[in-house]
PDB file of N, CA and C in Angstrom:
ATOM      1  N   UNK A   1      84.279 113.673  77.646  1.00  0.00           N
ATOM      2  CA  UNK A   1      84.842 114.803  76.954  1.00  0.00           C
ATOM      3  C   UNK A   1      83.799 115.382  76.014  1.00  0.00           C
ATOM      4  N   UNK A   2      83.733 116.675  75.924  1.00  0.00           N
ATOM      5  CA  UNK A   2      82.786 117.355  75.057  1.00  0.00           C
ATOM      6  C   UNK A   2      83.435 117.584  73.698  1.00  0.00           C
ATOM      7  N   UNK A   3      82.890 117.004  72.634  1.00  0.00           N
ATOM      8  CA  UNK A   3      83.511 117.100  71.314  1.00  0.00           C
ATOM      9  C   UNK A   3      83.289 118.445  70.638  1.00  0.00           C
ATOM     10  N   UNK A   4      82.437 119.306  71.209  1.00  0.00           N
ATOM     11  CA  UNK A   4      82.150 120.602  70.598  1.00  0.00           C
ATOM     12  C   UNK A   4      82.851 121.751  71.312  1.00  0.00           C
ATOM     13  N   UNK A   5      83.660 121.477  72.309  1.00  0.00           N
ATOM     14  CA  UNK A   5      84.273 122.540  73.084  1.00  0.00           C
ATOM     15  C   UNK A   5      85.675 122.145  73.518  1.00  0.00           C
ATOM     16  N   UNK A   6      86.526 123.142  73.638  1.00  0.00           N
ATOM     17  CA  UNK A   6      87.860 122.890  74.173  1.00  0.00           C
ATOM     18  C   UNK A   6      87.839 122.967  75.697  1.00  0.00           C
ATOM     19  N   UNK A   7      86.699 123.321  76.285  1.00  0.00           N
ATOM     20  CA  UNK A   7      86.571 123.466  77.731  1.00  0.00           C
ATOM     21  C   UNK A   7      86.103 122.151  78.345  1.00  0.00           C
ATOM     22  N   UNK A   8      86.948 121.164  78.326  1.00  0.00           N
ATOM     23  CA  UNK A   8      86.587 119.878  78.901  1.00  0.00           C
ATOM     24  C   UNK A   8      87.844 119.200  79.446  1.00  0.00           C
ATOM     25  N   UNK A   9      87.639 118.187  80.255  1.00  0.00           N
ATOM     26  CA  UNK A   9      88.753 117.408  80.776  1.00  0.00           C
ATOM     27  C   UNK A   9      89.120 116.331  79.763  1.00  0.00           C
ATOM     28  N   UNK A  10      90.393 115.975  79.723  1.00  0.00           N
ATOM     29  CA  UNK A  10      90.845 114.887  78.847  1.00  0.00           C
ATOM     30  C   UNK A  10      91.673 113.910  79.671  1.00  0.00           C
ATOM     31  N   UNK A  11      91.449 112.627  79.454  1.00  0.00           N
ATOM     32  CA  UNK A  11      92.232 111.585  80.113  1.00  0.00           C
ATOM     33  C   UNK A  11      92.752 110.653  79.031  1.00  0.00           C
ATOM     34  N   UNK A  12      94.063 110.472  79.008  1.00  0.00           N
ATOM     35  CA  UNK A  12      94.700 109.598  78.035  1.00  0.00           C
ATOM     36  C   UNK A  12      95.422 108.514  78.818  1.00  0.00           C
ATOM     37  N   UNK A  13      94.973 107.269  78.671  1.00  0.00           N
ATOM     38  CA  UNK A  13      95.576 106.147  79.390  1.00  0.00           C
ATOM     39  C   UNK A  13      96.503 105.370  78.469  1.00  0.00           C
ATOM     40  N   UNK A  14      97.713 105.119  78.964  1.00  0.00           N
ATOM     41  CA  UNK A  14      98.687 104.312  78.229  1.00  0.00           C
ATOM     42  C   UNK A  14      98.949 103.061  79.061  1.00  0.00           C
ATOM     43  N   UNK A  15      98.735 101.906  78.475  1.00  0.00           N
ATOM     44  CA  UNK A  15      98.984 100.637  79.161  1.00  0.00           C
ATOM     45  C   UNK A  15     100.138  99.937  78.446  1.00  0.00           C
ATOM     46  N   UNK A  16     101.177  99.620  79.213  1.00  0.00           N
ATOM     47  CA  UNK A  16     102.352  98.945  78.666  1.00  0.00           C
ATOM     48  C   UNK A  16     102.410  97.524  79.214  1.00  0.00           C
ATOM     49  N   UNK A  17     102.531  96.569  78.324  1.00  0.00           N
ATOM     50  CA  UNK A  17     102.679  95.167  78.722  1.00  0.00           C
ATOM     51  C   UNK A  17     104.016  94.654  78.208  1.00  0.00           C
ATOM     52  N   UNK A  18     104.797  94.058  79.092  1.00  0.00           N
ATOM     53  CA  UNK A  18     106.074  93.462  78.718  1.00  0.00           C
ATOM     54  C   UNK A  18     106.016  91.990  79.080  1.00  0.00           C
ATOM     55  N   UNK A  19     106.095  91.147  78.074  1.00  0.00           N
ATOM     56  CA  UNK A  19     106.042  89.704  78.297  1.00  0.00           C
ATOM     57  C   UNK A  19     107.386  89.086  77.957  1.00  0.00           C
ATOM     58  N   UNK A  20     107.858  88.236  78.846  1.00  0.00           N
ATOM     59  CA  UNK A  20     109.112  87.515  78.629  1.00  0.00           C
ATOM     60  C   UNK A  20     108.831  86.018  78.708  1.00  0.00           C
ATOM     61  N   UNK A  21     109.293  85.309  77.713  1.00  0.00           N
ATOM     62  CA  UNK A  21     109.124  83.858  77.707  1.00  0.00           C
ATOM     63  C   UNK A  21     110.516  83.234  77.754  1.00  0.00           C
ATOM     64  N   UNK A  22     110.738  82.404  78.771  1.00  0.00           N
ATOM     65  CA  UNK A  22     112.034  81.743  78.945  1.00  0.00           C
ATOM     66  C   UNK A  22     111.820  80.240  79.031  1.00  0.00           C
ATOM     67  N   UNK A  23     112.777  79.521  78.543  1.00  0.00           N
ATOM     68  CA  UNK A  23     112.706  78.065  78.649  1.00  0.00           C
ATOM     69  C   UNK A  23     113.643  77.624  79.759  1.00  0.00           C
ATOM     70  N   UNK A  24     113.111  76.829  80.674  1.00  0.00           N
ATOM     71  CA  UNK A  24     113.894  76.313  81.780  1.00  0.00           C
ATOM     72  C   UNK A  24     114.809  75.209  81.247  1.00  0.00           C
ATOM     73  N   UNK A  25     116.126  75.369  81.387  1.00  0.00           N
ATOM     74  CA  UNK A  25     117.052  74.366  80.825  1.00  0.00           C
ATOM     75  C   UNK A  25     116.980  73.003  81.513  1.00  0.00           C
ATOM     76  N   UNK A  26     116.487  72.950  82.745  1.00  0.00           N
ATOM     77  CA  UNK A  26     116.450  71.691  83.475  1.00  0.00           C
ATOM     78  C   UNK A  26     115.318  70.775  83.012  1.00  0.00           C
ATOM     79  N   UNK A  27     114.106  71.332  82.849  1.00  0.00           N
ATOM     80  CA  UNK A  27     112.980  70.478  82.485  1.00  0.00           C
ATOM     81  C   UNK A  27     112.331  70.850  81.158  1.00  0.00           C
ATOM     82  N   UNK A  28     112.819  71.892  80.499  1.00  0.00           N
ATOM     83  CA  UNK A  28     112.298  72.262  79.191  1.00  0.00           C
ATOM     84  C   UNK A  28     110.974  73.008  79.218  1.00  0.00           C
ATOM     85  N   UNK A  29     110.420  73.249  80.391  1.00  0.00           N
ATOM     86  CA  UNK A  29     109.161  73.971  80.483  1.00  0.00           C
ATOM     87  C   UNK A  29     109.397  75.470  80.254  1.00  0.00           C
ATOM     88  N   UNK A  30     108.398  76.101  79.686  1.00  0.00           N
ATOM     89  CA  UNK A  30     108.520  77.548  79.449  1.00  0.00           C
ATOM     90  C   UNK A  30     107.915  78.331  80.610  1.00  0.00           C
ATOM     91  N   UNK A  31     108.566  79.396  80.927  1.00  0.00           N
ATOM     92  CA  UNK A  31     108.114  80.288  81.992  1.00  0.00           C
ATOM     93  C   UNK A  31     107.773  81.620  81.340  1.00  0.00           C
ATOM     94  N   UNK A  32     106.562  82.097  81.589  1.00  0.00           N
ATOM     95  CA  UNK A  32     106.147  83.364  81.015  1.00  0.00           C
ATOM     96  C   UNK A  32     105.964  84.381  82.139  1.00  0.00           C
ATOM     97  N   UNK A  33     106.668  85.489  82.023  1.00  0.00           N
ATOM     98  CA  UNK A  33     106.527  86.573  82.978  1.00  0.00           C
ATOM     99  C   UNK A  33     105.941  87.771  82.245  1.00  0.00           C
ATOM    100  N   UNK A  34     104.978  88.408  82.873  1.00  0.00           N
ATOM    101  CA  UNK A  34     104.360  89.590  82.280  1.00  0.00           C
ATOM    102  C   UNK A  34     104.373  90.714  83.291  1.00  0.00           C
ATOM    103  N   UNK A  35     104.837  91.860  82.851  1.00  0.00           N
ATOM    104  CA  UNK A  35     104.795  93.071  83.675  1.00  0.00           C
ATOM    105  C   UNK A  35     103.877  94.067  82.981  1.00  0.00           C
ATOM    106  N   UNK A  36     103.089  94.759  83.786  1.00  0.00           N
ATOM    107  CA  UNK A  36     102.127  95.703  83.232  1.00  0.00           C
ATOM    108  C   UNK A  36     102.228  97.031  83.963  1.00  0.00           C
ATOM    109  N   UNK A  37     102.211  98.101  83.207  1.00  0.00           N
ATOM    110  CA  UNK A  37     102.221  99.449  83.774  1.00  0.00           C
ATOM    111  C   UNK A  37     101.122 100.263  83.121  1.00  0.00           C
ATOM    112  N   UNK A  38     100.550 101.169  83.884  1.00  0.00           N
ATOM    113  CA  UNK A  38      99.526 102.045  83.351  1.00  0.00           C
ATOM    114  C   UNK A  38      99.897 103.478  83.702  1.00  0.00           C
ATOM    115  N   UNK A  39      99.865 104.334  82.706  1.00  0.00           N
ATOM    116  CA  UNK A  39     100.145 105.752  82.888  1.00  0.00           C
ATOM    117  C   UNK A  39      98.899 106.514  82.462  1.00  0.00           C
ATOM    118  N   UNK A  40      98.422 107.394  83.325  1.00  0.00           N
ATOM    119  CA  UNK A  40      97.271 108.234  82.990  1.00  0.00           C
ATOM    120  C   UNK A  40      97.743 109.672  82.856  1.00  0.00           C
ATOM    121  N   UNK A  41      97.524 110.245  81.693  1.00  0.00           N
ATOM    122  CA  UNK A  41      97.825 111.650  81.463  1.00  0.00           C
ATOM    123  C   UNK A  41      96.502 112.407  81.522  1.00  0.00           C
ATOM    124  N   UNK A  42      96.419 113.395  82.389  1.00  0.00           N
ATOM    125  CA  UNK A  42      95.164 114.092  82.625  1.00  0.00           C
ATOM    126  C   UNK A  42      95.344 115.579  82.323  1.00  0.00           C
ATOM    127  N   UNK A  43      94.451 116.117  81.506  1.00  0.00           N
ATOM    128  CA  UNK A  43      94.419 117.544  81.212  1.00  0.00           C
ATOM    129  C   UNK A  43      93.091 118.070  81.740  1.00  0.00           C
ATOM    130  N   UNK A  44      93.152 118.847  82.810  1.00  0.00           N
ATOM    131  CA  UNK A  44      91.935 119.355  83.427  1.00  0.00           C
ATOM    132  C   UNK A  44      91.620 120.750  82.909  1.00  0.00           C
ATOM    133  N   UNK A  45      90.369 120.975  82.582  1.00  0.00           N
ATOM    134  CA  UNK A  45      89.929 122.310  82.200  1.00  0.00           C
ATOM    135  C   UNK A  45      89.938 123.180  83.455  1.00  0.00           C
ATOM    136  N   UNK A  46      90.192 124.459  83.293  1.00  0.00           N
ATOM    137  CA  UNK A  46      90.186 125.371  84.432  1.00  0.00           C
ATOM    138  C   UNK A  46      88.773 125.657  84.895  1.00  0.00           C
ATOM    139  N   UNK A  47      88.645 126.200  86.095  1.00  0.00           N
ATOM    140  CA  UNK A  47      87.321 126.541  86.597  1.00  0.00           C
ATOM    141  C   UNK A  47      86.743 127.691  85.793  1.00  0.00           C
ATOM    142  N   UNK A  48      85.443 127.741  85.712  1.00  0.00           N
ATOM    143  CA  UNK A  48      84.742 128.747  84.913  1.00  0.00           C
ATOM    144  C   UNK A  48      84.091 129.777  85.815  1.00  0.00           C
ATOM    145  N   UNK A  49      84.159 131.024  85.409  1.00  0.00           N
ATOM    146  CA  UNK A  49      83.435 132.101  86.094  1.00  0.00           C
ATOM    147  C   UNK A  49      82.249 132.473  85.229  1.00  0.00           C
ATOM    148  N   UNK A  50      81.090 132.574  85.848  1.00  0.00           N
ATOM    149  CA  UNK A  50      79.874 132.927  85.119  1.00  0.00           C
ATOM    150  C   UNK A  50      79.552 134.383  85.433  1.00  0.00           C
ATOM    151  N   UNK A  51      79.508 135.204  84.395  1.00  0.00           N
ATOM    152  CA  UNK A  51      79.220 136.621  84.628  1.00  0.00           C
ATOM    153  C   UNK A  51      77.734 136.801  84.930  1.00  0.00           C
ATOM    154  N   UNK A  52      77.436 137.703  85.837  1.00  0.00           N
ATOM    155  CA  UNK A  52      76.061 137.917  86.276  1.00  0.00           C
ATOM    156  C   UNK A  52      75.320 138.926  85.404  1.00  0.00           C
ATOM    157  N   UNK A  53      76.025 139.675  84.559  1.00  0.00           N
ATOM    158  CA  UNK A  53      75.358 140.692  83.748  1.00  0.00           C
ATOM    159  C   UNK A  53      75.070 140.167  82.342  1.00  0.00           C
ATOM    160  N   UNK A  54      74.211 140.833  81.636  1.00  0.00           N
ATOM    161  CA  UNK A  54      73.842 140.411  80.285  1.00  0.00           C
ATOM    162  C   UNK A  54      74.488 141.294  79.227  1.00  0.00           C
ATOM    163  N   UNK A  55      75.694 141.783  79.490  1.00  0.00           N
ATOM    164  CA  UNK A  55      76.397 142.647  78.543  1.00  0.00           C
ATOM    165  C   UNK A  55      76.987 141.849  77.401  1.00  0.00           C
ATOM    166  N   UNK A  56      77.932 142.453  76.720  1.00  0.00           N
ATOM    167  CA  UNK A  56      78.550 141.822  75.550  1.00  0.00           C
ATOM    168  C   UNK A  56      79.311 140.554  75.932  1.00  0.00           C
ATOM    169  N   UNK A  57      79.765 140.492  77.194  1.00  0.00           N
ATOM    170  CA  UNK A  57      80.537 139.325  77.612  1.00  0.00           C
ATOM    171  C   UNK A  57      79.695 138.219  78.205  1.00  0.00           C
ATOM    172  N   UNK A  58      78.388 138.335  78.123  1.00  0.00           N
ATOM    173  CA  UNK A  58      77.505 137.320  78.712  1.00  0.00           C
ATOM    174  C   UNK A  58      77.665 135.988  77.991  1.00  0.00           C
ATOM    175  N   UNK A  59      77.534 134.929  78.742  1.00  0.00           N
ATOM    176  CA  UNK A  59      77.722 133.596  78.177  1.00  0.00           C
ATOM    177  C   UNK A  59      76.386 132.990  77.798  1.00  0.00           C
ATOM    178  N   UNK A  60      76.429 132.112  76.814  1.00  0.00           N
ATOM    179  CA  UNK A  60      75.209 131.419  76.407  1.00  0.00           C
ATOM    180  C   UNK A  60      74.836 130.367  77.452  1.00  0.00           C
ATOM    181  N   UNK A  61      73.604 129.892  77.396  1.00  0.00           N
ATOM    182  CA  UNK A  61      73.136 128.879  78.334  1.00  0.00           C
ATOM    183  C   UNK A  61      73.940 127.606  78.276  1.00  0.00           C
ATOM    184  N   UNK A  62      74.337 127.211  77.083  1.00  0.00           N
ATOM    185  CA  UNK A  62      75.140 125.991  76.916  1.00  0.00           C
ATOM    186  C   UNK A  62      76.517 126.154  77.553  1.00  0.00           C
ATOM    187  N   UNK A  63      77.110 127.307  77.383  1.00  0.00           N
ATOM    188  CA  UNK A  63      78.426 127.595  77.961  1.00  0.00           C
ATOM    189  C   UNK A  63      78.344 127.605  79.490  1.00  0.00           C
ATOM    190  N   UNK A  64      77.247 128.125  80.023  1.00  0.00           N
ATOM    191  CA  UNK A  64      77.067 128.148  81.477  1.00  0.00           C
ATOM    192  C   UNK A  64      76.939 126.723  82.015  1.00  0.00           C
ATOM    193  N   UNK A  65      76.168 125.874  81.345  1.00  0.00           N
ATOM    194  CA  UNK A  65      76.027 124.471  81.764  1.00  0.00           C
ATOM    195  C   UNK A  65      77.387 123.772  81.744  1.00  0.00           C
ATOM    196  N   UNK A  66      78.151 124.047  80.706  1.00  0.00           N
ATOM    197  CA  UNK A  66      79.484 123.464  80.569  1.00  0.00           C
ATOM    198  C   UNK A  66      80.378 123.890  81.734  1.00  0.00           C
ATOM    199  N   UNK A  67      80.345 125.188  82.064  1.00  0.00           N
ATOM    200  CA  UNK A  67      81.146 125.706  83.171  1.00  0.00           C
ATOM    201  C   UNK A  67      80.751 125.113  84.504  1.00  0.00           C
ATOM    202  N   UNK A  68      79.465 124.948  84.728  1.00  0.00           N
ATOM    203  CA  UNK A  68      78.972 124.344  85.972  1.00  0.00           C
ATOM    204  C   UNK A  68      79.468 122.906  86.082  1.00  0.00           C
ATOM    205  N   UNK A  69      79.429 122.181  84.983  1.00  0.00           N
ATOM    206  CA  UNK A  69      79.892 120.792  84.971  1.00  0.00           C
ATOM    207  C   UNK A  69      81.393 120.702  85.274  1.00  0.00           C
ATOM    208  N   UNK A  70      82.170 121.598  84.676  1.00  0.00           N
ATOM    209  CA  UNK A  70      83.620 121.618  84.929  1.00  0.00           C
ATOM    210  C   UNK A  70      83.884 121.926  86.395  1.00  0.00           C
ATOM    211  N   UNK A  71      83.205 122.941  86.926  1.00  0.00           N
ATOM    212  CA  UNK A  71      83.410 123.312  88.324  1.00  0.00           C
ATOM    213  C   UNK A  71      83.017 122.189  89.275  1.00  0.00           C
ATOM    214  N   UNK A  72      81.928 121.481  88.963  1.00  0.00           N
ATOM    215  CA  UNK A  72      81.478 120.369  89.818  1.00  0.00           C
ATOM    216  C   UNK A  72      82.525 119.255  89.846  1.00  0.00           C
ATOM    217  N   UNK A  73      83.069 118.915  88.691  1.00  0.00           N
ATOM    218  CA  UNK A  73      84.051 117.823  88.667  1.00  0.00           C
ATOM    219  C   UNK A  73      85.350 118.232  89.355  1.00  0.00           C
ATOM    220  N   UNK A  74      85.757 119.500  89.242  1.00  0.00           N
ATOM    221  CA  UNK A  74      86.965 119.958  89.935  1.00  0.00           C
ATOM    222  C   UNK A  74      86.743 120.004  91.451  1.00  0.00           C
ATOM    223  N   UNK A  75      85.549 120.414  91.878  1.00  0.00           N
ATOM    224  CA  UNK A  75      85.214 120.413  93.297  1.00  0.00           C
ATOM    225  C   UNK A  75      85.242 118.985  93.849  1.00  0.00           C
ATOM    226  N   UNK A  76      84.669 118.052  93.107  1.00  0.00           N
ATOM    227  CA  UNK A  76      84.661 116.648  93.539  1.00  0.00           C
ATOM    228  C   UNK A  76      86.081 116.089  93.592  1.00  0.00           C
ATOM    229  N   UNK A  77      86.904 116.455  92.625  1.00  0.00           N
ATOM    230  CA  UNK A  77      88.304 116.012  92.638  1.00  0.00           C
ATOM    231  C   UNK A  77      88.991 116.505  93.907  1.00  0.00           C
ATOM    232  N   UNK A  78      88.742 117.752  94.291  1.00  0.00           N
ATOM    233  CA  UNK A  78      89.300 118.281  95.532  1.00  0.00           C
ATOM    234  C   UNK A  78      88.802 117.530  96.754  1.00  0.00           C
ATOM    235  N   UNK A  79      87.515 117.179  96.755  1.00  0.00           N
ATOM    236  CA  UNK A  79      86.947 116.424  97.875  1.00  0.00           C
ATOM    237  C   UNK A  79      87.559 115.029  97.971  1.00  0.00           C
ATOM    238  N   UNK A  80      87.797 114.388  96.825  1.00  0.00           N
ATOM    239  CA  UNK A  80      88.410 113.052  96.817  1.00  0.00           C
ATOM    240  C   UNK A  80      89.835 113.123  97.361  1.00  0.00           C
ATOM    241  N   UNK A  81      90.602 114.102  96.912  1.00  0.00           N
ATOM    242  CA  UNK A  81      91.979 114.242  97.384  1.00  0.00           C
ATOM    243  C   UNK A  81      92.002 114.511  98.887  1.00  0.00           C
ATOM    244  N   UNK A  82      91.108 115.382  99.374  1.00  0.00           N
ATOM    245  CA  UNK A  82      91.037 115.665 100.812  1.00  0.00           C
ATOM    246  C   UNK A  82      90.639 114.413 101.597  1.00  0.00           C
ATOM    247  N   UNK A  83      89.690 113.651 101.085  1.00  0.00           N
ATOM    248  CA  UNK A  83      89.250 112.426 101.770  1.00  0.00           C
ATOM    249  C   UNK A  83      90.368 111.386 101.801  1.00  0.00           C
ATOM    250  N   UNK A  84      91.142 111.301 100.724  1.00  0.00           N
ATOM    251  CA  UNK A  84      92.267 110.354 100.709  1.00  0.00           C
ATOM    252  C   UNK A  84      93.335 110.757 101.718  1.00  0.00           C
ATOM    253  N   UNK A  85      93.562 112.055 101.865  1.00  0.00           N
ATOM    254  CA  UNK A  85      94.519 112.534 102.869  1.00  0.00           C
ATOM    255  C   UNK A  85      94.019 112.211 104.277  1.00  0.00           C
ATOM    256  N   UNK A  86      92.714 112.354 104.502  1.00  0.00           N
ATOM    257  CA  UNK A  86      92.120 112.035 105.806  1.00  0.00           C
ATOM    258  C   UNK A  86      92.106 110.530 106.071  1.00  0.00           C
ATOM    259  N   UNK A  87      91.977 109.736 105.012  1.00  0.00           N
ATOM    260  CA  UNK A  87      91.881 108.280 105.194  1.00  0.00           C
ATOM    261  C   UNK A  87      93.170 107.695 105.743  1.00  0.00           C
ATOM    262  N   UNK A  88      94.261 108.424 105.643  1.00  0.00           N
ATOM    263  CA  UNK A  88      95.525 107.960 106.238  1.00  0.00           C
ATOM    264  C   UNK A  88      95.400 107.911 107.764  1.00  0.00           C
ATOM    265  N   UNK A  89      94.518 108.758 108.307  1.00  0.00           N
ATOM    266  CA  UNK A  89      94.325 108.826 109.752  1.00  0.00           C
ATOM    267  C   UNK A  89      93.299 107.819 110.256  1.00  0.00           C
ATOM    268  N   UNK A  90      92.430 107.356 109.379  1.00  0.00           N
ATOM    269  CA  UNK A  90      91.389 106.421 109.808  1.00  0.00           C
ATOM    270  C   UNK A  90      90.471 106.075 108.652  1.00  0.00           C
ATOM    271  N   UNK A  91      89.330 105.502 108.967  1.00  0.00           N
ATOM    272  CA  UNK A  91      88.369 105.072 107.961  1.00  0.00           C
ATOM    273  C   UNK A  91      87.520 106.261 107.518  1.00  0.00           C
ATOM    274  N   UNK A  92      87.686 106.707 106.259  1.00  0.00           N
ATOM    275  CA  UNK A  92      86.976 107.868 105.728  1.00  0.00           C
ATOM    276  C   UNK A  92      86.321 107.503 104.404  1.00  0.00           C
ATOM    277  N   UNK A  93      85.107 108.013 104.178  1.00  0.00           N
ATOM    278  CA  UNK A  93      84.409 107.798 102.903  1.00  0.00           C
ATOM    279  C   UNK A  93      85.047 108.673 101.824  1.00  0.00           C
ATOM    280  N   UNK A  94      85.365 108.070 100.678  1.00  0.00           N
ATOM    281  CA  UNK A  94      85.948 108.799  99.552  1.00  0.00           C
ATOM    282  C   UNK A  94      84.888 108.859  98.445  1.00  0.00           C
ATOM    283  N   UNK A  95      84.445 110.062  98.049  1.00  0.00           N
ATOM    284  CA  UNK A  95      83.317 110.221  97.106  1.00  0.00           C
ATOM    285  C   UNK A  95      83.709 110.080  95.627  1.00  0.00           C
ATOM    286  N   UNK A  96      84.263 108.941  95.241  1.00  0.00           N
ATOM    287  CA  UNK A  96      84.675 108.725  93.846  1.00  0.00           C
ATOM    288  C   UNK A  96      83.507 108.851  92.867  1.00  0.00           C
ATOM    289  N   UNK A  97      82.316 108.428  93.274  1.00  0.00           N
ATOM    290  CA  UNK A  97      81.176 108.325  92.359  1.00  0.00           C
ATOM    291  C   UNK A  97      80.430 109.628  92.124  1.00  0.00           C
ATOM    292  N   UNK A  98      80.879 110.714  92.720  1.00  0.00           N
ATOM    293  CA  UNK A  98      80.166 111.984  92.574  1.00  0.00           C
ATOM    294  C   UNK A  98      80.418 112.667  91.229  1.00  0.00           C
ATOM    295  N   UNK A  99      81.441 112.261  90.503  1.00  0.00           N
ATOM    296  CA  UNK A  99      81.655 112.822  89.163  1.00  0.00           C
ATOM    297  C   UNK A  99      82.287 111.768  88.261  1.00  0.00           C
ATOM    298  N   UNK A 100      82.091 111.949  86.990  1.00  0.00           N
ATOM    299  CA  UNK A 100      82.662 111.014  86.009  1.00  0.00           C
ATOM    300  C   UNK A 100      84.188 111.063  86.077  1.00  0.00           C
ATOM    301  N   UNK A 101      84.745 112.258  86.232  1.00  0.00           N
ATOM    302  CA  UNK A 101      86.196 112.420  86.291  1.00  0.00           C
ATOM    303  C   UNK A 101      86.810 111.585  87.402  1.00  0.00           C
ATOM    304  N   UNK A 102      86.263 111.667  88.618  1.00  0.00           N
ATOM    305  CA  UNK A 102      86.835 110.918  89.731  1.00  0.00           C
ATOM    306  C   UNK A 102      86.574 109.416  89.604  1.00  0.00           C
ATOM    307  N   UNK A 103      85.461 109.052  88.983  1.00  0.00           N
ATOM    308  CA  UNK A 103      85.210 107.623  88.731  1.00  0.00           C
ATOM    309  C   UNK A 103      86.266 107.055  87.777  1.00  0.00           C
ATOM    310  N   UNK A 104      86.605 107.821  86.743  1.00  0.00           N
ATOM    311  CA  UNK A 104      87.605 107.358  85.778  1.00  0.00           C
ATOM    312  C   UNK A 104      89.007 107.309  86.377  1.00  0.00           C
ATOM    313  N   UNK A 105      89.282 108.191  87.303  1.00  0.00           N
ATOM    314  CA  UNK A 105      90.618 108.267  87.897  1.00  0.00           C
ATOM    315  C   UNK A 105      90.782 107.428  89.175  1.00  0.00           C
ATOM    316  N   UNK A 106      89.733 106.734  89.585  1.00  0.00           N
ATOM    317  CA  UNK A 106      89.753 105.995  90.854  1.00  0.00           C
ATOM    318  C   UNK A 106      90.960 105.074  90.980  1.00  0.00           C
ATOM    319  N   UNK A 107      91.262 104.308  89.958  1.00  0.00           N
ATOM    320  CA  UNK A 107      92.378 103.367  90.026  1.00  0.00           C
ATOM    321  C   UNK A 107      93.722 104.085  90.133  1.00  0.00           C
ATOM    322  N   UNK A 108      93.791 105.310  89.665  1.00  0.00           N
ATOM    323  CA  UNK A 108      95.029 106.081  89.749  1.00  0.00           C
ATOM    324  C   UNK A 108      95.281 106.576  91.175  1.00  0.00           C
ATOM    325  N   UNK A 109      94.218 106.737  91.964  1.00  0.00           N
ATOM    326  CA  UNK A 109      94.364 107.227  93.327  1.00  0.00           C
ATOM    327  C   UNK A 109      94.797 106.141  94.301  1.00  0.00           C
ATOM    328  N   UNK A 110      94.484 104.901  93.986  1.00  0.00           N
ATOM    329  CA  UNK A 110      94.731 103.800  94.919  1.00  0.00           C
ATOM    330  C   UNK A 110      96.186 103.403  94.912  1.00  0.00           C
TER     331      UNK A 110
END
């Protein structure tokens, strides 16, 4: 996430653990059961358009780099989703490692 811009992706992971400890009345031993859930909340930045002219609406170099990065991660996310849809039909390579966003979300796709 870029701390200087609102034009970035955000991922908020919530992990819930529920532990239950019960005592077995027959032998007095304790039984511990643990259930775990993970929820990922994802806020994706929209794709960026880079203007080709140098008028009043021209973007700075830093803003252009930021937009390119956002577009690359959204493109990779689309490629991962398409590859996962294809993998239902057979063995397909899924490009999780092509962007930080898809690497972070890998466990959510499985």
